[in-house]
Structures are given as structure tokens and as C-alpha cells.
């Protein structure tokens, strides 16, 4: 999909980022139409997706989005909580329209040119690696936003994008609250133990 151009090839840094985020992890079930994208299976039974194929699809989507004259005609949709932040950040950096949260049926009346959405897992399909899944969603939206900006000529490909992937990551409010409580507990314990010689 890169057309043989070295500038569009998957870089080592992007590959490392995709591997750390678990972009290659698939589900335990396989649709026959996805068989060309699967490398094999992990010990846990999850299918392993070819990262280079994912990169090619990101480039294809970026080309389609960059080709649209009016960026507001592109709609990014993320209904699940783990996709909402990434969708909002994507829309912010690419000047597209975002729908985060509940999607209202009938919202499109043949007006939008391109619609991008995060794959919504059904409740019957358990997330085996929930943190990895949220990270892979964020990384894919980040890579897509970066490639759209580069293809529009807003950023130079030879320079790294100054937006961190962390901005696209979903942050669980319960985990944030728990970390804050642990910090408060630690701060309370520190002065009490300061005068004691052990």
C-alpha cells in the first residue's frame, strides 16, 4: 500500500509503538474474510494480526480522509468509553467531526462523505487484555491522525509529530481516583513517620 515509496514504509519506531500497544492482538474467533490479515495464533488462542497490513490500512484510510476537500465532512465515531477520547483528539488535530458517546440513529442524511468508527465489541465477546485493547485503539487513532496531517501537508514527514500518544489514551476514572487516593494516603503517612528514627 505504500506504493514502494520508502517514505511511506512502516518505521521502526512506529512498529515498536504498535507492538507495545498490542495492535497485533486479535480475538479468539476469526471471520473468514480476515484470514488474509492473520499471521497465526497465540498460546492464549488469540489471532495475531499482521502489523504491516494494519499499517497499510491506516495509510489507505489517511489517503481517503486527506482527499476530502472539507475536513468537516469526515465523521469519526467512537461510542465505547475507551474510544471516545481518541476520537475527540483525532477530530481536534484533523479538524474533522467527532461523535463520542451515543450515536443517534438517523444522524446522517446522505451528507457525510467519510465515516470512520472504532470496532465495537459485542457484550458477548470478552476483552482478554482490556488495557492492551485501549492502548491499541489510541495508537491506531494517533497514527491515523498523524498520517492525515502529513498527507495534507500540515506536518513534515522528516520531523516527529510533537503530539504524544498519551493524549489519545483512555483514562479510567476509577483508576484515576484510586491513584489519587493512594497519593493522598502516602502524603498523610510521610509527615507522621518523619520524626521517627528507625
N, C-alpha and C. Protein backbone atom coordinates (compact mmCIF):
# COMPACT_ATOMS: atom_id res chain seq x y z
N UNK A 1 0.83 -1.19 0.00
CA UNK A 1 0.00 0.00 0.00
C UNK A 1 0.86 1.25 0.00
N UNK A 2 2.09 1.14 0.46
CA UNK A 2 2.96 2.31 0.48
C UNK A 2 3.42 2.66 -0.92
N UNK A 3 3.09 1.82 -1.89
CA UNK A 3 3.44 2.10 -3.27
C UNK A 3 4.92 1.95 -3.53
N UNK A 4 5.64 1.30 -2.63
CA UNK A 4 7.07 1.13 -2.81
C UNK A 4 7.87 2.36 -2.44
N UNK A 5 7.21 3.39 -1.96
CA UNK A 5 7.92 4.60 -1.55
C UNK A 5 8.50 4.40 -0.16
N UNK A 6 9.81 4.59 -0.02
CA UNK A 6 10.42 4.38 1.30
C UNK A 6 9.88 5.34 2.36
N UNK A 7 9.42 6.50 1.95
CA UNK A 7 8.94 7.49 2.91
C UNK A 7 7.64 7.03 3.57
N UNK A 8 6.88 6.16 2.90
CA UNK A 8 5.62 5.68 3.46
C UNK A 8 5.74 4.32 4.16
N UNK A 9 6.95 3.77 4.19
CA UNK A 9 7.14 2.48 4.84
C UNK A 9 6.97 2.61 6.35
N UNK A 10 6.63 1.52 6.97
CA UNK A 10 6.48 1.46 8.42
C UNK A 10 7.86 1.62 9.06
N UNK A 11 8.01 2.65 9.89
CA UNK A 11 9.30 2.89 10.53
C UNK A 11 9.46 1.98 11.74
N UNK A 12 10.69 1.85 12.20
CA UNK A 12 10.98 1.01 13.35
C UNK A 12 10.30 1.55 14.61
N UNK A 13 10.27 2.87 14.76
CA UNK A 13 9.61 3.47 15.93
C UNK A 13 8.11 3.20 15.93
N UNK A 14 7.49 3.33 14.76
CA UNK A 14 6.05 3.06 14.67
C UNK A 14 5.75 1.58 14.91
N UNK A 15 6.61 0.72 14.40
CA UNK A 15 6.44 -0.72 14.62
C UNK A 15 6.55 -1.04 16.11
N UNK A 16 7.54 -0.47 16.76
CA UNK A 16 7.72 -0.70 18.20
C UNK A 16 6.49 -0.20 18.97
N UNK A 17 6.00 0.97 18.60
CA UNK A 17 4.82 1.53 19.25
C UNK A 17 3.60 0.62 19.08
N UNK A 18 3.41 0.10 17.88
CA UNK A 18 2.28 -0.78 17.61
C UNK A 18 2.40 -2.11 18.37
N UNK A 19 3.62 -2.61 18.49
CA UNK A 19 3.82 -3.86 19.21
C UNK A 19 3.60 -3.69 20.71
N UNK A 20 4.10 -2.59 21.26
CA UNK A 20 3.92 -2.34 22.69
C UNK A 20 2.45 -2.15 23.02
N UNK A 21 1.72 -1.50 22.14
CA UNK A 21 0.29 -1.24 22.38
C UNK A 21 -0.58 -2.47 22.14
N UNK A 22 -0.02 -3.49 21.53
CA UNK A 22 -0.79 -4.71 21.29
C UNK A 22 -1.72 -4.62 20.11
N UNK A 23 -1.35 -3.82 19.12
CA UNK A 23 -2.19 -3.67 17.93
C UNK A 23 -2.33 -5.01 17.19
N UNK A 24 -1.37 -5.88 17.36
CA UNK A 24 -1.36 -7.16 16.66
C UNK A 24 -2.29 -8.20 17.28
N UNK A 25 -2.82 -7.95 18.48
CA UNK A 25 -3.68 -8.93 19.15
C UNK A 25 -5.09 -8.89 18.61
N UNK A 26 -5.56 -10.03 18.15
CA UNK A 26 -6.92 -10.14 17.66
C UNK A 26 -7.79 -10.91 18.64
N UNK A 27 -8.95 -11.29 18.18
CA UNK A 27 -9.90 -12.04 19.01
C UNK A 27 -9.64 -13.54 18.87
N UNK A 28 -10.36 -14.31 19.63
CA UNK A 28 -10.21 -15.77 19.56
C UNK A 28 -10.96 -16.35 18.37
N UNK A 29 -11.97 -15.64 17.90
CA UNK A 29 -12.72 -16.10 16.73
C UNK A 29 -12.21 -15.38 15.49
N UNK A 30 -12.40 -16.01 14.34
CA UNK A 30 -11.89 -15.45 13.09
C UNK A 30 -12.96 -15.50 12.02
N UNK A 31 -13.23 -14.34 11.43
CA UNK A 31 -14.10 -14.27 10.26
C UNK A 31 -13.26 -14.68 9.06
N UNK A 32 -13.81 -15.47 8.17
CA UNK A 32 -13.04 -15.96 7.03
C UNK A 32 -12.50 -14.82 6.15
N UNK A 33 -13.16 -13.66 6.16
CA UNK A 33 -12.69 -12.54 5.36
C UNK A 33 -11.42 -11.91 5.94
N UNK A 34 -11.14 -12.19 7.20
CA UNK A 34 -9.95 -11.65 7.86
C UNK A 34 -8.75 -12.58 7.76
N UNK A 35 -8.91 -13.74 7.16
CA UNK A 35 -7.83 -14.74 7.16
C UNK A 35 -6.57 -14.22 6.46
N UNK A 36 -6.68 -13.33 5.51
CA UNK A 36 -5.51 -12.77 4.85
C UNK A 36 -4.71 -11.81 5.72
N UNK A 37 -5.30 -11.36 6.80
CA UNK A 37 -4.65 -10.41 7.70
C UNK A 37 -4.06 -11.08 8.94
N UNK A 38 -4.28 -12.38 9.08
CA UNK A 38 -3.85 -13.08 10.29
C UNK A 38 -2.56 -13.85 10.02
N UNK A 39 -1.62 -13.70 10.96
CA UNK A 39 -0.34 -14.39 10.87
C UNK A 39 -0.41 -15.77 11.50
N UNK A 40 -1.06 -15.87 12.64
CA UNK A 40 -1.15 -17.14 13.37
C UNK A 40 -1.97 -16.95 14.63
N UNK A 41 -1.72 -17.82 15.62
CA UNK A 41 -2.44 -17.75 16.90
C UNK A 41 -1.44 -17.72 18.04
N UNK A 42 -1.83 -17.03 19.10
CA UNK A 42 -1.00 -17.00 20.31
C UNK A 42 -1.32 -18.22 21.17
N UNK A 43 -0.56 -18.39 22.24
CA UNK A 43 -0.79 -19.52 23.15
C UNK A 43 -2.16 -19.43 23.81
N UNK A 44 -2.62 -18.20 24.02
CA UNK A 44 -3.93 -17.98 24.65
C UNK A 44 -5.09 -18.23 23.69
N UNK A 45 -4.79 -18.39 22.41
CA UNK A 45 -5.84 -18.63 21.43
C UNK A 45 -6.24 -17.41 20.62
N UNK A 46 -5.65 -16.26 20.92
CA UNK A 46 -5.96 -15.05 20.15
C UNK A 46 -5.23 -15.09 18.81
N UNK A 47 -5.89 -14.58 17.79
CA UNK A 47 -5.25 -14.50 16.48
C UNK A 47 -4.27 -13.33 16.48
N UNK A 48 -3.15 -13.52 15.79
CA UNK A 48 -2.13 -12.48 15.68
C UNK A 48 -2.27 -11.83 14.32
N UNK A 49 -2.51 -10.53 14.33
CA UNK A 49 -2.75 -9.78 13.10
C UNK A 49 -1.42 -9.26 12.56
N UNK A 50 -1.26 -9.31 11.24
CA UNK A 50 -0.04 -8.80 10.61
C UNK A 50 0.00 -7.29 10.76
N UNK A 51 1.05 -6.79 11.39
CA UNK A 51 1.16 -5.35 11.67
C UNK A 51 1.33 -4.56 10.37
N UNK A 52 2.03 -5.13 9.40
CA UNK A 52 2.22 -4.40 8.14
C UNK A 52 0.89 -4.21 7.41
N UNK A 53 -0.03 -5.15 7.55
CA UNK A 53 -1.36 -5.00 6.94
C UNK A 53 -2.15 -3.89 7.64
N UNK A 54 -2.00 -3.82 8.97
CA UNK A 54 -2.65 -2.75 9.72
C UNK A 54 -2.11 -1.40 9.27
N UNK A 55 -0.80 -1.32 9.09
CA UNK A 55 -0.18 -0.07 8.64
C UNK A 55 -0.70 0.31 7.25
N UNK A 56 -0.83 -0.66 6.37
CA UNK A 56 -1.34 -0.38 5.02
C UNK A 56 -2.76 0.16 5.07
N UNK A 57 -3.59 -0.38 5.95
CA UNK A 57 -4.97 0.10 6.08
C UNK A 57 -5.02 1.50 6.69
N UNK A 58 -4.10 1.79 7.60
CA UNK A 58 -4.02 3.15 8.17
C UNK A 58 -3.66 4.14 7.07
N UNK A 59 -2.70 3.77 6.22
CA UNK A 59 -2.32 4.64 5.10
C UNK A 59 -3.47 4.82 4.12
N UNK A 60 -4.19 3.75 3.83
CA UNK A 60 -5.33 3.83 2.91
C UNK A 60 -6.40 4.76 3.46
N UNK A 61 -6.71 4.61 4.75
CA UNK A 61 -7.72 5.47 5.38
C UNK A 61 -7.24 6.92 5.40
N UNK A 62 -5.96 7.14 5.68
CA UNK A 62 -5.42 8.50 5.70
C UNK A 62 -5.51 9.15 4.32
N UNK A 63 -5.25 8.38 3.29
CA UNK A 63 -5.36 8.92 1.92
C UNK A 63 -6.80 9.31 1.61
N UNK A 64 -7.74 8.48 2.01
CA UNK A 64 -9.15 8.77 1.76
C UNK A 64 -9.59 10.01 2.52
N UNK A 65 -9.17 10.13 3.76
CA UNK A 65 -9.55 11.29 4.58
C UNK A 65 -8.90 12.56 4.05
N UNK A 66 -7.63 12.47 3.69
CA UNK A 66 -6.91 13.65 3.19
C UNK A 66 -7.46 14.12 1.84
N UNK A 67 -8.08 13.22 1.09
CA UNK A 67 -8.61 13.58 -0.22
C UNK A 67 -9.92 14.37 -0.14
N UNK A 68 -10.57 14.35 1.01
CA UNK A 68 -11.83 15.08 1.18
C UNK A 68 -11.51 16.57 1.31
N UNK A 69 -12.17 17.39 0.49
CA UNK A 69 -11.89 18.82 0.47
C UNK A 69 -12.24 19.51 1.78
N UNK A 70 -13.40 19.21 2.32
CA UNK A 70 -13.85 19.82 3.57
C UNK A 70 -13.65 18.82 4.70
N UNK A 71 -12.69 19.06 5.61
CA UNK A 71 -12.45 18.11 6.70
C UNK A 71 -13.67 17.86 7.57
N UNK A 72 -14.58 18.81 7.66
CA UNK A 72 -15.78 18.64 8.49
C UNK A 72 -16.72 17.58 7.91
N UNK A 73 -16.53 17.19 6.65
CA UNK A 73 -17.34 16.14 6.04
C UNK A 73 -16.89 14.74 6.47
N UNK A 74 -15.79 14.66 7.19
CA UNK A 74 -15.31 13.38 7.72
C UNK A 74 -15.81 13.25 9.15
N UNK A 75 -16.45 12.14 9.47
CA UNK A 75 -17.01 11.94 10.80
C UNK A 75 -16.33 10.76 11.47
N UNK A 76 -15.75 10.99 12.64
CA UNK A 76 -15.12 9.94 13.44
C UNK A 76 -16.06 9.58 14.58
N UNK A 77 -16.35 8.29 14.72
CA UNK A 77 -17.33 7.84 15.71
C UNK A 77 -16.67 6.86 16.68
N UNK A 78 -16.90 7.08 17.95
CA UNK A 78 -16.45 6.17 19.00
C UNK A 78 -17.47 6.15 20.11
N UNK A 79 -18.22 5.08 20.21
CA UNK A 79 -19.30 5.01 21.21
C UNK A 79 -18.83 4.49 22.55
N UNK A 80 -17.91 3.56 22.55
CA UNK A 80 -17.43 2.97 23.81
C UNK A 80 -16.52 3.96 24.53
N UNK A 81 -16.48 3.90 25.86
CA UNK A 81 -15.66 4.85 26.62
C UNK A 81 -14.18 4.84 26.24
N UNK A 82 -13.63 3.66 25.92
CA UNK A 82 -12.21 3.59 25.60
C UNK A 82 -11.87 4.22 24.26
N UNK A 83 -12.86 4.49 23.42
CA UNK A 83 -12.61 5.09 22.11
C UNK A 83 -12.94 6.57 22.06
N UNK A 84 -13.69 7.07 23.02
CA UNK A 84 -14.19 8.44 22.96
C UNK A 84 -13.07 9.48 22.99
N UNK A 85 -12.13 9.33 23.88
CA UNK A 85 -11.04 10.31 23.98
C UNK A 85 -10.21 10.33 22.70
N UNK A 86 -9.91 9.15 22.17
CA UNK A 86 -9.13 9.07 20.94
C UNK A 86 -9.85 9.72 19.77
N UNK A 87 -11.15 9.51 19.69
CA UNK A 87 -11.95 10.10 18.61
C UNK A 87 -11.98 11.62 18.72
N UNK A 88 -12.15 12.12 19.93
CA UNK A 88 -12.17 13.57 20.14
C UNK A 88 -10.82 14.20 19.80
N UNK A 89 -9.73 13.56 20.19
CA UNK A 89 -8.39 14.08 19.87
C UNK A 89 -8.13 14.01 18.37
N UNK A 90 -8.55 12.92 17.74
CA UNK A 90 -8.39 12.79 16.29
C UNK A 90 -9.11 13.94 15.58
N UNK A 91 -10.34 14.19 15.99
CA UNK A 91 -11.12 15.26 15.37
C UNK A 91 -10.49 16.62 15.62
N UNK A 92 -9.92 16.80 16.78
CA UNK A 92 -9.27 18.07 17.11
C UNK A 92 -8.06 18.32 16.21
N UNK A 93 -7.22 17.33 16.04
CA UNK A 93 -5.98 17.51 15.27
C UNK A 93 -6.19 17.47 13.77
N UNK A 94 -7.28 16.88 13.31
CA UNK A 94 -7.52 16.80 11.86
C UNK A 94 -8.67 17.69 11.40
N UNK A 95 -9.31 18.42 12.32
CA UNK A 95 -10.42 19.32 12.03
C UNK A 95 -11.61 18.59 11.42
N UNK A 96 -11.83 17.36 11.87
CA UNK A 96 -12.97 16.59 11.41
C UNK A 96 -14.08 16.64 12.46
N UNK A 97 -15.20 16.02 12.16
CA UNK A 97 -16.33 15.97 13.08
C UNK A 97 -16.22 14.73 13.94
N UNK A 98 -16.49 14.87 15.24
CA UNK A 98 -16.42 13.73 16.15
C UNK A 98 -17.79 13.46 16.76
N UNK A 99 -18.11 12.19 16.88
CA UNK A 99 -19.29 11.76 17.63
C UNK A 99 -18.77 10.80 18.68
N UNK A 100 -18.69 11.28 19.91
CA UNK A 100 -18.20 10.46 21.03
C UNK A 100 -19.37 10.20 21.96
N UNK A 101 -19.60 8.96 22.24
CA UNK A 101 -20.74 8.61 23.07
C UNK A 101 -21.81 7.94 22.22
N UNK A 102 -23.03 8.17 22.58
CA UNK A 102 -24.13 7.51 21.88
C UNK A 102 -24.32 8.11 20.50
N UNK A 103 -24.40 7.22 19.52
CA UNK A 103 -24.65 7.63 18.14
C UNK A 103 -26.15 7.63 17.91
N UNK A 104 -26.68 8.76 17.48
CA UNK A 104 -28.11 8.89 17.25
C UNK A 104 -28.46 8.33 15.87
N UNK A 105 -29.33 7.33 15.82
CA UNK A 105 -29.75 6.81 14.52
C UNK A 105 -30.41 7.91 13.69
N UNK A 106 -30.10 7.95 12.43
CA UNK A 106 -30.65 8.96 11.55
C UNK A 106 -29.84 10.24 11.53
N UNK A 107 -28.66 10.22 12.16
CA UNK A 107 -27.82 11.42 12.20
C UNK A 107 -27.27 11.77 10.82
N UNK A 108 -27.14 10.78 9.97
CA UNK A 108 -26.64 11.03 8.63
C UNK A 108 -27.79 10.97 7.64
N UNK A 109 -27.92 12.01 6.88
CA UNK A 109 -28.93 12.02 5.81
C UNK A 109 -28.20 12.27 4.49
N UNK A 110 -27.32 11.35 4.17
CA UNK A 110 -26.53 11.41 2.93
C UNK A 110 -25.70 12.68 2.83
N UNK A 111 -25.21 13.18 3.93
CA UNK A 111 -24.44 14.41 3.89
C UNK A 111 -22.95 14.17 4.10
N UNK A 112 -22.59 13.22 4.93
CA UNK A 112 -21.18 12.99 5.22
C UNK A 112 -20.54 12.20 4.09
N UNK A 113 -19.27 12.50 3.83
CA UNK A 113 -18.57 11.80 2.77
C UNK A 113 -17.81 10.59 3.28
N UNK A 114 -17.20 10.71 4.47
CA UNK A 114 -16.40 9.62 5.02
C UNK A 114 -16.79 9.43 6.48
N UNK A 115 -16.99 8.19 6.88
CA UNK A 115 -17.29 7.87 8.28
C UNK A 115 -16.27 6.85 8.76
N UNK A 116 -15.63 7.13 9.88
CA UNK A 116 -14.65 6.23 10.48
C UNK A 116 -15.17 5.87 11.86
N UNK A 117 -15.17 4.59 12.19
CA UNK A 117 -15.63 4.24 13.53
C UNK A 117 -14.73 3.18 14.14
N UNK A 118 -14.72 3.18 15.46
CA UNK A 118 -13.97 2.18 16.20
C UNK A 118 -14.81 0.93 16.28
N UNK A 119 -14.19 -0.21 16.04
CA UNK A 119 -14.90 -1.50 16.09
C UNK A 119 -15.46 -1.69 17.48
N UNK A 120 -16.76 -1.84 17.54
CA UNK A 120 -17.43 -2.01 18.83
C UNK A 120 -17.60 -3.50 19.10
N UNK A 121 -16.98 -3.96 20.16
CA UNK A 121 -17.12 -5.37 20.54
C UNK A 121 -18.50 -5.60 21.13
N UNK A 122 -19.10 -6.70 20.79
CA UNK A 122 -20.40 -7.01 21.38
C UNK A 122 -20.19 -7.45 22.82
N UNK A 123 -21.21 -7.34 23.65
CA UNK A 123 -21.06 -7.74 25.06
C UNK A 123 -20.70 -9.21 25.23
N UNK A 124 -20.99 -10.04 24.23
CA UNK A 124 -20.69 -11.46 24.36
C UNK A 124 -19.21 -11.77 24.12
N UNK A 125 -18.47 -10.82 23.54
CA UNK A 125 -17.05 -11.04 23.28
C UNK A 125 -16.25 -10.38 24.39
N UNK A 126 -15.60 -11.16 25.26
CA UNK A 126 -14.85 -10.56 26.36
C UNK A 126 -13.53 -9.98 25.87
N UNK A 127 -13.13 -8.89 26.49
CA UNK A 127 -11.82 -8.32 26.20
C UNK A 127 -10.81 -9.07 27.05
N UNK A 128 -9.92 -9.82 26.41
CA UNK A 128 -8.95 -10.60 27.18
C UNK A 128 -7.86 -9.72 27.75
N UNK A 129 -7.52 -8.67 27.05
CA UNK A 129 -6.50 -7.74 27.51
C UNK A 129 -7.07 -6.34 27.47
N UNK A 130 -7.87 -5.91 28.46
CA UNK A 130 -8.54 -4.63 28.37
C UNK A 130 -7.59 -3.45 28.27
N UNK A 131 -6.46 -3.47 29.00
CA UNK A 131 -5.55 -2.33 28.91
C UNK A 131 -4.86 -2.31 27.55
N UNK A 132 -4.52 -3.48 27.03
CA UNK A 132 -3.90 -3.54 25.71
C UNK A 132 -4.88 -3.08 24.65
N UNK A 133 -6.16 -3.46 24.78
CA UNK A 133 -7.15 -3.04 23.81
C UNK A 133 -7.32 -1.54 23.77
N UNK A 134 -7.34 -0.91 24.93
CA UNK A 134 -7.49 0.54 24.96
C UNK A 134 -6.26 1.22 24.40
N UNK A 135 -5.09 0.65 24.65
CA UNK A 135 -3.87 1.24 24.11
C UNK A 135 -3.80 1.09 22.59
N UNK A 136 -4.23 -0.05 22.08
CA UNK A 136 -4.17 -0.25 20.63
C UNK A 136 -5.13 0.68 19.90
N UNK A 137 -6.30 0.93 20.49
CA UNK A 137 -7.25 1.87 19.89
C UNK A 137 -6.63 3.26 19.83
N UNK A 138 -6.01 3.69 20.92
CA UNK A 138 -5.40 5.02 20.98
C UNK A 138 -4.26 5.15 19.98
N UNK A 139 -3.42 4.12 19.88
CA UNK A 139 -2.28 4.18 18.96
C UNK A 139 -2.76 4.24 17.51
N UNK A 140 -3.76 3.45 17.17
CA UNK A 140 -4.26 3.47 15.79
C UNK A 140 -4.86 4.82 15.43
N UNK A 141 -5.63 5.43 16.32
CA UNK A 141 -6.19 6.77 16.05
C UNK A 141 -5.07 7.81 15.98
N UNK A 142 -4.06 7.68 16.82
CA UNK A 142 -2.92 8.62 16.80
C UNK A 142 -2.17 8.51 15.47
N UNK A 143 -1.88 7.28 15.05
CA UNK A 143 -1.18 7.08 13.78
C UNK A 143 -2.01 7.61 12.61
N UNK A 144 -3.31 7.37 12.65
CA UNK A 144 -4.18 7.86 11.58
C UNK A 144 -4.20 9.38 11.54
N UNK A 145 -4.30 10.02 12.69
CA UNK A 145 -4.29 11.49 12.74
C UNK A 145 -2.97 12.04 12.21
N UNK A 146 -1.87 11.43 12.60
CA UNK A 146 -0.56 11.89 12.14
C UNK A 146 -0.42 11.74 10.64
N UNK A 147 -0.85 10.60 10.10
CA UNK A 147 -0.73 10.38 8.66
C UNK A 147 -1.64 11.30 7.86
N UNK A 148 -2.83 11.59 8.37
CA UNK A 148 -3.73 12.53 7.69
C UNK A 148 -3.08 13.90 7.63
N UNK A 149 -2.51 14.34 8.74
CA UNK A 149 -1.86 15.66 8.76
C UNK A 149 -0.67 15.70 7.80
N UNK A 150 0.08 14.63 7.74
CA UNK A 150 1.23 14.58 6.83
C UNK A 150 0.79 14.58 5.38
N UNK A 151 -0.26 13.85 5.06
CA UNK A 151 -0.73 13.78 3.68
C UNK A 151 -1.39 15.08 3.23
N UNK A 152 -1.90 15.84 4.17
CA UNK A 152 -2.46 17.15 3.84
C UNK A 152 -1.36 18.21 3.72
N UNK A 153 -0.16 17.88 4.13
CA UNK A 153 0.94 18.82 4.08
C UNK A 153 1.02 19.73 5.29
N UNK A 154 0.30 19.41 6.36
CA UNK A 154 0.33 20.22 7.57
C UNK A 154 1.57 19.94 8.41
N UNK A 155 2.11 18.75 8.31
CA UNK A 155 3.31 18.36 9.03
C UNK A 155 4.33 17.81 8.05
N UNK A 156 5.60 17.91 8.43
CA UNK A 156 6.68 17.39 7.59
C UNK A 156 6.99 15.97 8.04
N UNK A 157 7.10 15.07 7.09
CA UNK A 157 7.31 13.66 7.40
C UNK A 157 8.68 13.41 8.03
N UNK A 158 9.67 14.24 7.74
CA UNK A 158 11.01 14.01 8.28
C UNK A 158 11.14 14.39 9.76
N UNK A 159 10.17 15.12 10.28
CA UNK A 159 10.21 15.51 11.69
C UNK A 159 9.16 14.73 12.47
N UNK A 160 9.49 14.35 13.71
CA UNK A 160 8.49 13.62 14.52
C UNK A 160 7.34 14.53 14.90
N UNK A 161 6.17 13.94 15.02
CA UNK A 161 4.98 14.69 15.41
C UNK A 161 5.09 15.02 16.88
N UNK A 162 4.86 16.27 17.25
CA UNK A 162 5.07 16.71 18.62
C UNK A 162 3.90 16.41 19.55
N UNK A 163 2.91 15.68 19.09
CA UNK A 163 1.76 15.29 19.92
C UNK A 163 2.03 13.90 20.48
N UNK A 164 1.90 13.77 21.80
CA UNK A 164 2.17 12.48 22.43
C UNK A 164 0.98 11.53 22.28
N UNK A 165 1.28 10.26 22.19
CA UNK A 165 0.23 9.24 22.09
C UNK A 165 -0.62 9.23 23.35
N UNK A 166 -0.03 9.61 24.47
CA UNK A 166 -0.73 9.58 25.76
C UNK A 166 -2.01 10.41 25.73
N UNK A 167 -2.06 11.45 24.91
CA UNK A 167 -3.25 12.29 24.84
C UNK A 167 -4.45 11.53 24.28
N UNK A 168 -4.21 10.48 23.52
CA UNK A 168 -5.27 9.71 22.90
C UNK A 168 -5.73 8.54 23.78
N UNK A 169 -5.01 8.28 24.86
CA UNK A 169 -5.30 7.13 25.72
C UNK A 169 -6.53 7.36 26.59
N UNK A 170 -7.30 6.32 26.75
CA UNK A 170 -8.45 6.33 27.64
C UNK A 170 -7.95 6.23 29.07
N UNK A 171 -8.48 7.08 29.93
CA UNK A 171 -8.13 7.03 31.34
C UNK A 171 -9.38 6.66 32.13
N UNK A 172 -9.30 5.53 32.80
CA UNK A 172 -10.42 5.03 33.58
C UNK A 172 -10.59 5.90 34.82
N UNK A 173 -11.75 6.51 35.03
CA UNK A 173 -11.95 7.37 36.20
C UNK A 173 -11.75 6.64 37.52
N UNK A 174 -12.10 5.36 37.57
CA UNK A 174 -11.92 4.60 38.81
C UNK A 174 -10.44 4.43 39.14
N UNK A 175 -9.63 4.16 38.11
CA UNK A 175 -8.19 4.02 38.33
C UNK A 175 -7.58 5.36 38.73
N UNK A 176 -8.03 6.44 38.10
CA UNK A 176 -7.54 7.77 38.45
C UNK A 176 -7.86 8.10 39.90
N UNK A 177 -9.08 7.78 40.32
CA UNK A 177 -9.50 8.05 41.70
C UNK A 177 -8.68 7.22 42.68
N UNK A 178 -8.42 5.97 42.33
CA UNK A 178 -7.64 5.09 43.20
C UNK A 178 -6.20 5.59 43.33
N UNK A 179 -5.60 6.02 42.22
CA UNK A 179 -4.24 6.55 42.26
C UNK A 179 -4.18 7.82 43.10
N UNK A 180 -5.18 8.68 42.96
CA UNK A 180 -5.24 9.90 43.75
C UNK A 180 -5.35 9.58 45.23
N UNK A 181 -6.18 8.60 45.57
CA UNK A 181 -6.34 8.20 46.97
C UNK A 181 -5.04 7.64 47.53
N UNK A 182 -4.31 6.86 46.73
CA UNK A 182 -3.03 6.32 47.17
C UNK A 182 -2.02 7.43 47.40
N UNK A 183 -2.02 8.45 46.54
CA UNK A 183 -1.12 9.59 46.72
C UNK A 183 -1.46 10.36 47.99
N UNK A 184 -2.74 10.53 48.25
CA UNK A 184 -3.18 11.24 49.47
C UNK A 184 -2.77 10.44 50.70
N UNK A 185 -2.98 9.14 50.67
CA UNK A 185 -2.59 8.29 51.80
C UNK A 185 -1.09 8.35 52.04
N UNK A 186 -0.32 8.35 50.96
CA UNK A 186 1.14 8.43 51.08
C UNK A 186 1.56 9.76 51.67
N UNK A 187 0.91 10.84 51.24
CA UNK A 187 1.24 12.18 51.73
C UNK A 187 0.91 12.31 53.21
N UNK A 188 -0.15 11.68 53.66
CA UNK A 188 -0.53 11.73 55.08
C UNK A 188 0.46 10.94 55.91
N UNK A 189 0.95 9.82 55.41
CA UNK A 189 1.88 8.97 56.15
C UNK A 189 3.27 9.58 56.24
N UNK A 190 3.69 10.33 55.26
CA UNK A 190 5.04 10.89 55.23
C UNK A 190 5.35 11.76 56.44
N UNK A 191 4.54 12.80 56.76
CA UNK A 191 4.89 13.64 57.91
C UNK A 191 4.84 12.88 59.23
N UNK A 192 3.96 11.91 59.36
CA UNK A 192 3.84 11.17 60.61
C UNK A 192 5.08 10.33 60.88
N UNK A 193 5.71 9.84 59.84
CA UNK A 193 6.89 9.00 60.01
C UNK A 193 8.19 9.78 59.96
N UNK A 194 8.14 11.06 59.68
CA UNK A 194 9.36 11.85 59.51
C UNK A 194 10.17 11.96 60.80
N UNK A 195 9.54 12.07 61.97
CA UNK A 195 10.26 12.26 63.22
C UNK A 195 10.71 10.98 63.89
N UNK A 196 10.34 9.85 63.36
CA UNK A 196 10.67 8.57 63.99
C UNK A 196 12.00 8.07 63.46
N UNK A 197 12.90 7.72 64.37
CA UNK A 197 14.18 7.12 63.97
C UNK A 197 14.06 5.61 64.06
N UNK A 198 14.29 4.97 62.97
CA UNK A 198 14.20 3.50 62.95
C UNK A 198 15.56 2.88 62.98
